[in-house]
Amino acid sequence: MQSIQAFGEDVITQMCERLLEGGAPGLHFYTLNQAEPSLAVWNNLQLPR
């Protein structure tokens, strides 16, 4: 299960990078009471908190 989550985090990180590079003014995450995967993506993007 951990490898599936890591794969998903990588895919979402890449999608977010493309959105930001394309001019998106920001990102909004719906965590559905599971903040850890969203925080992992945020950390992967190296954005300030």
PDB file of N, CA and C in Angstrom:
ATOM      1  N   MET A   1       0.817  -1.197   0.000  1.00  0.00           N
ATOM      2  CA  MET A   1       0.000   0.000   0.000  1.00  0.00           C
ATOM      3  C   MET A   1       0.862   1.262   0.000  1.00  0.00           C
ATOM      4  N   GLN A   2       1.985   1.204   0.670  1.00  0.00           N
ATOM      5  CA  GLN A   2       2.869   2.370   0.761  1.00  0.00           C
ATOM      6  C   GLN A   2       3.406   2.763  -0.614  1.00  0.00           C
ATOM      7  N   SER A   3       3.719   1.767  -1.461  1.00  0.00           N
ATOM      8  CA  SER A   3       4.249   2.089  -2.784  1.00  0.00           C
ATOM      9  C   SER A   3       3.173   2.725  -3.663  1.00  0.00           C
ATOM     10  N   ILE A   4       1.918   2.344  -3.479  1.00  0.00           N
ATOM     11  CA  ILE A   4       0.828   2.955  -4.233  1.00  0.00           C
ATOM     12  C   ILE A   4       0.676   4.418  -3.823  1.00  0.00           C
ATOM     13  N   GLN A   5       0.764   4.694  -2.532  1.00  0.00           N
ATOM     14  CA  GLN A   5       0.661   6.074  -2.052  1.00  0.00           C
ATOM     15  C   GLN A   5       1.829   6.902  -2.577  1.00  0.00           C
ATOM     16  N   ALA A   6       3.029   6.351  -2.555  1.00  0.00           N
ATOM     17  CA  ALA A   6       4.201   7.074  -3.061  1.00  0.00           C
ATOM     18  C   ALA A   6       4.046   7.368  -4.551  1.00  0.00           C
ATOM     19  N   PHE A   7       3.528   6.408  -5.305  1.00  0.00           N
ATOM     20  CA  PHE A   7       3.289   6.612  -6.734  1.00  0.00           C
ATOM     21  C   PHE A   7       2.288   7.750  -6.943  1.00  0.00           C
ATOM     22  N   GLY A   8       1.197   7.716  -6.185  1.00  0.00           N
ATOM     23  CA  GLY A   8       0.188   8.768  -6.291  1.00  0.00           C
ATOM     24  C   GLY A   8       0.744  10.135  -5.945  1.00  0.00           C
ATOM     25  N   GLU A   9       1.563  10.197  -4.914  1.00  0.00           N
ATOM     26  CA  GLU A   9       2.178  11.471  -4.528  1.00  0.00           C
ATOM     27  C   GLU A   9       3.073  11.995  -5.640  1.00  0.00           C
ATOM     28  N   ASP A  10       3.811  11.109  -6.301  1.00  0.00           N
ATOM     29  CA  ASP A  10       4.669  11.525  -7.413  1.00  0.00           C
ATOM     30  C   ASP A  10       3.839  12.053  -8.581  1.00  0.00           C
ATOM     31  N   VAL A  11       2.762  11.354  -8.914  1.00  0.00           N
ATOM     32  CA  VAL A  11       1.903  11.778 -10.024  1.00  0.00           C
ATOM     33  C   VAL A  11       1.281  13.140  -9.727  1.00  0.00           C
ATOM     34  N   ILE A  12       0.747  13.305  -8.528  1.00  0.00           N
ATOM     35  CA  ILE A  12       0.115  14.577  -8.165  1.00  0.00           C
ATOM     36  C   ILE A  12       1.144  15.701  -8.100  1.00  0.00           C
ATOM     37  N   THR A  13       2.345  15.398  -7.609  1.00  0.00           N
ATOM     38  CA  THR A  13       3.409  16.407  -7.585  1.00  0.00           C
ATOM     39  C   THR A  13       3.704  16.890  -9.000  1.00  0.00           C
ATOM     40  N   GLN A  14       3.817  15.968  -9.946  1.00  0.00           N
ATOM     41  CA  GLN A  14       4.087  16.338 -11.337  1.00  0.00           C
ATOM     42  C   GLN A  14       2.949  17.173 -11.917  1.00  0.00           C
ATOM     43  N   MET A  15       1.713  16.798 -11.598  1.00  0.00           N
ATOM     44  CA  MET A  15       0.564  17.566 -12.082  1.00  0.00           C
ATOM     45  C   MET A  15       0.583  18.986 -11.527  1.00  0.00           C
ATOM     46  N   CYS A  16       0.886  19.113 -10.246  1.00  0.00           N
ATOM     47  CA  CYS A  16       0.948  20.436  -9.617  1.00  0.00           C
ATOM     48  C   CYS A  16       2.062  21.278 -10.218  1.00  0.00           C
ATOM     49  N   GLU A  17       3.202  20.667 -10.483  1.00  0.00           N
ATOM     50  CA  GLU A  17       4.310  21.394 -11.110  1.00  0.00           C
ATOM     51  C   GLU A  17       3.884  21.944 -12.464  1.00  0.00           C
ATOM     52  N   ARG A  18       3.189  21.128 -13.242  1.00  0.00           N
ATOM     53  CA  ARG A  18       2.729  21.571 -14.564  1.00  0.00           C
ATOM     54  C   ARG A  18       1.718  22.708 -14.439  1.00  0.00           C
ATOM     55  N   LEU A  19       0.828  22.607 -13.462  1.00  0.00           N
ATOM     56  CA  LEU A  19      -0.151  23.675 -13.252  1.00  0.00           C
ATOM     57  C   LEU A  19       0.535  24.990 -12.895  1.00  0.00           C
ATOM     58  N   LEU A  20       1.489  24.930 -11.977  1.00  0.00           N
ATOM     59  CA  LEU A  20       2.200  26.144 -11.567  1.00  0.00           C
ATOM     60  C   LEU A  20       3.030  26.715 -12.708  1.00  0.00           C
ATOM     61  N   GLU A  21       3.697  25.845 -13.459  1.00  0.00           N
ATOM     62  CA  GLU A  21       4.494  26.302 -14.602  1.00  0.00           C
ATOM     63  C   GLU A  21       3.607  26.911 -15.678  1.00  0.00           C
ATOM     64  N   GLY A  22       2.373  26.429 -15.767  1.00  0.00           N
ATOM     65  CA  GLY A  22       1.428  26.934 -16.756  1.00  0.00           C
ATOM     66  C   GLY A  22       0.743  28.227 -16.345  1.00  0.00           C
ATOM     67  N   GLY A  23       1.053  28.712 -15.152  1.00  0.00           N
ATOM     68  CA  GLY A  23       0.525  29.995 -14.730  1.00  0.00           C
ATOM     69  C   GLY A  23      -0.590  29.941 -13.706  1.00  0.00           C
ATOM     70  N   ALA A  24      -0.869  28.776 -13.155  1.00  0.00           N
ATOM     71  CA  ALA A  24      -1.894  28.706 -12.110  1.00  0.00           C
ATOM     72  C   ALA A  24      -1.485  29.611 -10.953  1.00  0.00           C
ATOM     73  N   PRO A  25      -2.412  30.419 -10.450  1.00  0.00           N
ATOM     74  CA  PRO A  25      -2.052  31.351  -9.379  1.00  0.00           C
ATOM     75  C   PRO A  25      -1.846  30.681  -8.029  1.00  0.00           C
ATOM     76  N   GLY A  26      -2.268  29.445  -7.891  1.00  0.00           N
ATOM     77  CA  GLY A  26      -2.114  28.740  -6.620  1.00  0.00           C
ATOM     78  C   GLY A  26      -2.706  27.346  -6.717  1.00  0.00           C
ATOM     79  N   LEU A  27      -2.655  26.647  -5.616  1.00  0.00           N
ATOM     80  CA  LEU A  27      -3.180  25.284  -5.542  1.00  0.00           C
ATOM     81  C   LEU A  27      -4.095  25.175  -4.334  1.00  0.00           C
ATOM     82  N   HIS A  28      -5.090  24.321  -4.438  1.00  0.00           N
ATOM     83  CA  HIS A  28      -5.993  24.064  -3.312  1.00  0.00           C
ATOM     84  C   HIS A  28      -6.155  22.559  -3.196  1.00  0.00           C
ATOM     85  N   PHE A  29      -5.908  22.036  -2.008  1.00  0.00           N
ATOM     86  CA  PHE A  29      -6.011  20.599  -1.773  1.00  0.00           C
ATOM     87  C   PHE A  29      -7.199  20.295  -0.868  1.00  0.00           C
ATOM     88  N   TYR A  30      -7.994  19.319  -1.244  1.00  0.00           N
ATOM     89  CA  TYR A  30      -9.043  18.777  -0.375  1.00  0.00           C
ATOM     90  C   TYR A  30      -8.458  17.536   0.282  1.00  0.00           C
ATOM     91  N   THR A  31      -8.227  17.583   1.567  1.00  0.00           N
ATOM     92  CA  THR A  31      -7.521  16.491   2.240  1.00  0.00           C
ATOM     93  C   THR A  31      -8.426  15.360   2.677  1.00  0.00           C
ATOM     94  N   LEU A  32      -9.720  15.617   2.815  1.00  0.00           N
ATOM     95  CA  LEU A  32     -10.663  14.593   3.269  1.00  0.00           C
ATOM     96  C   LEU A  32     -10.165  13.914   4.542  1.00  0.00           C
ATOM     97  N   ASN A  33      -9.700  14.745   5.477  1.00  0.00           N
ATOM     98  CA  ASN A  33      -9.208  14.287   6.785  1.00  0.00           C
ATOM     99  C   ASN A  33      -7.969  13.397   6.700  1.00  0.00           C
ATOM    100  N   GLN A  34      -7.229  13.501   5.594  1.00  0.00           N
ATOM    101  CA  GLN A  34      -5.972  12.763   5.445  1.00  0.00           C
ATOM    102  C   GLN A  34      -4.910  13.758   4.969  1.00  0.00           C
ATOM    103  N   ALA A  35      -4.396  14.523   5.893  1.00  0.00           N
ATOM    104  CA  ALA A  35      -3.480  15.608   5.542  1.00  0.00           C
ATOM    105  C   ALA A  35      -2.103  15.127   5.096  1.00  0.00           C
ATOM    106  N   GLU A  36      -1.666  13.985   5.560  1.00  0.00           N
ATOM    107  CA  GLU A  36      -0.289  13.540   5.283  1.00  0.00           C
ATOM    108  C   GLU A  36       0.039  13.452   3.786  1.00  0.00           C
ATOM    109  N   PRO A  37      -0.788  12.841   2.941  1.00  0.00           N
ATOM    110  CA  PRO A  37      -0.448  12.811   1.510  1.00  0.00           C
ATOM    111  C   PRO A  37      -0.354  14.211   0.899  1.00  0.00           C
ATOM    112  N   SER A  38      -1.245  15.107   1.311  1.00  0.00           N
ATOM    113  CA  SER A  38      -1.191  16.475   0.793  1.00  0.00           C
ATOM    114  C   SER A  38       0.066  17.192   1.257  1.00  0.00           C
ATOM    115  N   LEU A  39       0.447  16.983   2.501  1.00  0.00           N
ATOM    116  CA  LEU A  39       1.683  17.586   3.006  1.00  0.00           C
ATOM    117  C   LEU A  39       2.900  17.031   2.279  1.00  0.00           C
ATOM    118  N   ALA A  40       2.874  15.756   1.944  1.00  0.00           N
ATOM    119  CA  ALA A  40       3.987  15.155   1.198  1.00  0.00           C
ATOM    120  C   ALA A  40       4.121  15.807  -0.171  1.00  0.00           C
ATOM    121  N   VAL A  41       3.000  16.014  -0.863  1.00  0.00           N
ATOM    122  CA  VAL A  41       3.034  16.681  -2.168  1.00  0.00           C
ATOM    123  C   VAL A  41       3.548  18.105  -2.002  1.00  0.00           C
ATOM    124  N   TRP A  42       3.048  18.809  -1.001  1.00  0.00           N
ATOM    125  CA  TRP A  42       3.479  20.192  -0.753  1.00  0.00           C
ATOM    126  C   TRP A  42       4.987  20.247  -0.510  1.00  0.00           C
ATOM    127  N   ASN A  43       5.491  19.314   0.290  1.00  0.00           N
ATOM    128  CA  ASN A  43       6.930  19.263   0.556  1.00  0.00           C
ATOM    129  C   ASN A  43       7.706  18.916  -0.705  1.00  0.00           C
ATOM    130  N   ASN A  44       7.177  18.027  -1.539  1.00  0.00           N
ATOM    131  CA  ASN A  44       7.832  17.687  -2.808  1.00  0.00           C
ATOM    132  C   ASN A  44       7.958  18.916  -3.700  1.00  0.00           C
ATOM    133  N   LEU A  45       6.957  19.777  -3.652  1.00  0.00           N
ATOM    134  CA  LEU A  45       6.969  20.993  -4.469  1.00  0.00           C
ATOM    135  C   LEU A  45       7.896  22.061  -3.897  1.00  0.00           C
ATOM    136  N   GLN A  46       8.347  21.868  -2.668  1.00  0.00           N
ATOM    137  CA  GLN A  46       9.245  22.794  -1.978  1.00  0.00           C
ATOM    138  C   GLN A  46       8.658  24.206  -1.907  1.00  0.00           C
ATOM    139  N   LEU A  47       7.380  24.273  -1.564  1.00  0.00           N
ATOM    140  CA  LEU A  47       6.694  25.549  -1.410  1.00  0.00           C
ATOM    141  C   LEU A  47       6.661  25.930   0.062  1.00  0.00           C
ATOM    142  N   PRO A  48       6.610  27.226   0.355  1.00  0.00           N
ATOM    143  CA  PRO A  48       6.533  27.641   1.763  1.00  0.00           C
ATOM    144  C   PRO A  48       5.169  27.295   2.352  1.00  0.00           C
ATOM    145  N   ARG A  49       5.145  27.055   3.645  1.00  0.00           N
ATOM    146  CA  ARG A  49       3.869  26.770   4.319  1.00  0.00           C
ATOM    147  C   ARG A  49       3.209  28.037   4.753  1.00  0.00           C
TER     148      ARG A  49
END
